[in-house]
Amino acid sequence: METNAYRFWKRVDTEKVISLKSLSEAAGISYKNMKDQRSLDRLPKLEDAYAIATVLGVSVEYLLTGKNKFVIPAAIQDIITRLSRASEDELNMIRRLLGLPIRGTVSKIEEKA
């Protein structure tokens, strides 16, 4: 039966493009400690799991559960939240700035057709 620790280290293997030794160095974790946790089928401490996830560019949640692989940075999450609350006029202003079609209008391509 696969344990949570086994699945954690399996996901680490799937994501890493460097050796376990290089991963441990980049994460600031003792290589012996990381190797022992892995071979003894143990989950790392939370701060070590966070350091490993950060080096691999994935979320701790992904390494633990296989869900939500990427972390959305707080600044991006703030933008998403603000956009979800924006009025249609505000969204159309943003679309104009980005050069996107404005809702409720006919695009230049459609006019030529």
Protein backbone atom coordinates (compact mmCIF):
# COMPACT_ATOMS: atom_id res chain seq x y z
CA MET A 1 0.00 0.00 0.00
CA GLU A 2 1.32 3.43 -0.93
CA THR A 3 1.74 5.78 2.00
CA ASN A 4 1.46 9.56 1.93
CA ALA A 5 5.24 9.75 2.27
CA TYR A 6 5.75 7.40 -0.67
CA ARG A 7 3.44 9.52 -2.86
CA PHE A 8 5.20 12.71 -1.67
CA TRP A 9 8.63 11.43 -2.70
CA LYS A 10 7.23 9.98 -5.93
CA ARG A 11 5.92 13.46 -6.86
CA VAL A 12 9.30 14.95 -5.92
CA ASP A 13 10.93 12.46 -8.32
CA THR A 14 8.47 13.38 -11.06
CA GLU A 15 9.20 17.10 -10.70
CA LYS A 16 12.94 17.18 -10.06
CA VAL A 17 15.37 17.65 -12.89
CA ILE A 18 18.35 17.63 -10.54
CA SER A 19 19.81 14.99 -8.28
CA LEU A 20 18.49 14.47 -4.77
CA LYS A 21 21.81 15.83 -3.47
CA SER A 22 21.45 19.01 -5.55
CA LEU A 23 17.82 19.33 -4.45
CA SER A 24 18.80 19.03 -0.80
CA GLU A 25 21.52 21.66 -1.21
CA ALA A 26 19.18 24.07 -3.03
CA ALA A 27 16.50 23.56 -0.37
CA GLY A 28 18.99 23.99 2.48
CA ILE A 29 18.28 20.52 3.86
CA SER A 30 20.88 17.98 4.93
CA TYR A 31 21.33 15.40 2.16
CA LYS A 32 21.56 12.62 4.76
CA ASN A 33 18.34 13.79 6.40
CA MET A 34 16.49 13.96 3.05
CA LYS A 35 17.83 10.57 1.95
CA ASP A 36 16.87 9.00 5.31
CA GLN A 37 13.34 10.44 5.22
CA ARG A 38 12.89 9.08 1.74
CA SER A 39 14.29 5.61 2.42
CA LEU A 40 12.41 5.31 5.72
CA ASP A 41 9.17 6.37 4.02
CA ARG A 42 8.73 9.50 6.13
CA LEU A 43 7.30 12.88 5.28
CA PRO A 44 9.65 15.81 5.80
CA LYS A 45 8.94 18.54 8.34
CA LEU A 46 6.61 21.23 7.00
CA GLU A 47 9.41 23.78 6.58
CA ASP A 48 11.47 21.21 4.66
CA ALA A 49 8.49 20.30 2.47
CA TYR A 50 8.02 24.01 1.76
CA ALA A 51 11.71 24.42 0.84
CA ILE A 52 11.54 21.38 -1.48
CA ALA A 53 8.35 22.65 -3.12
CA THR A 54 9.88 26.10 -3.60
CA VAL A 55 12.96 24.69 -5.32
CA LEU A 56 10.76 22.52 -7.57
CA GLY A 57 8.40 25.40 -8.34
CA VAL A 58 5.29 23.59 -7.12
CA SER A 59 3.00 23.87 -4.12
CA VAL A 60 3.37 21.87 -0.91
CA GLU A 61 -0.25 20.85 -1.41
CA TYR A 62 0.68 19.27 -4.73
CA LEU A 63 3.55 17.29 -3.21
CA LEU A 64 1.25 16.06 -0.42
CA THR A 65 -2.00 15.47 -2.34
CA GLY A 66 -1.33 15.74 -6.06
CA LYS A 67 -3.74 18.70 -6.27
CA ASN A 68 -3.14 22.39 -7.08
CA LYS A 69 0.29 21.98 -8.57
CA PHE A 70 1.19 25.63 -8.86
CA VAL A 71 1.00 28.33 -6.27
CA ILE A 72 -0.66 31.55 -7.39
CA PRO A 73 1.47 34.41 -6.07
CA ALA A 74 -0.35 36.75 -3.70
CA ALA A 75 -0.03 39.70 -6.11
CA ILE A 76 -1.71 37.69 -8.89
CA GLN A 77 -4.40 36.44 -6.52
CA ASP A 78 -5.08 40.06 -5.54
CA ILE A 79 -5.50 41.01 -9.22
CA ILE A 80 -7.86 38.08 -9.79
CA THR A 81 -9.94 39.12 -6.76
CA ARG A 82 -10.13 42.74 -7.90
CA LEU A 83 -11.06 41.72 -11.46
CA SER A 84 -13.83 39.49 -10.16
CA ARG A 85 -15.34 42.56 -8.44
CA ALA A 86 -14.88 44.97 -11.38
CA SER A 87 -17.87 46.44 -13.21
CA GLU A 88 -18.42 45.77 -16.91
CA ASP A 89 -17.22 49.32 -17.71
CA GLU A 90 -14.02 48.76 -15.73
CA LEU A 91 -13.45 45.44 -17.47
CA ASN A 92 -13.96 47.08 -20.87
CA MET A 93 -11.34 49.72 -19.97
CA ILE A 94 -8.91 46.92 -19.13
CA ARG A 95 -9.77 45.13 -22.39
CA ARG A 96 -9.01 48.35 -24.31
CA LEU A 97 -5.64 48.67 -22.57
CA LEU A 98 -4.81 45.07 -23.48
CA GLY A 99 -6.06 45.41 -27.05
CA LEU A 100 -8.82 42.85 -26.53
CA PRO A 101 -12.30 43.01 -28.07
CA ILE A 102 -14.79 45.02 -26.05
CA ARG A 103 -17.97 43.21 -25.05
CA GLY A 104 -21.08 44.49 -26.70
CA THR A 105 -19.21 45.86 -29.73
CA VAL A 106 -18.43 44.46 -33.15
CA SER A 107 -14.76 43.78 -33.77
CA LYS A 108 -12.98 45.17 -36.84
CA ILE A 109 -12.66 41.65 -38.25
CA GLU A 110 -16.41 41.10 -37.97
CA GLU A 111 -17.09 44.51 -39.62
CA LYS A 112 -15.04 43.53 -42.69
CA ALA A 113 -16.76 40.16 -43.11
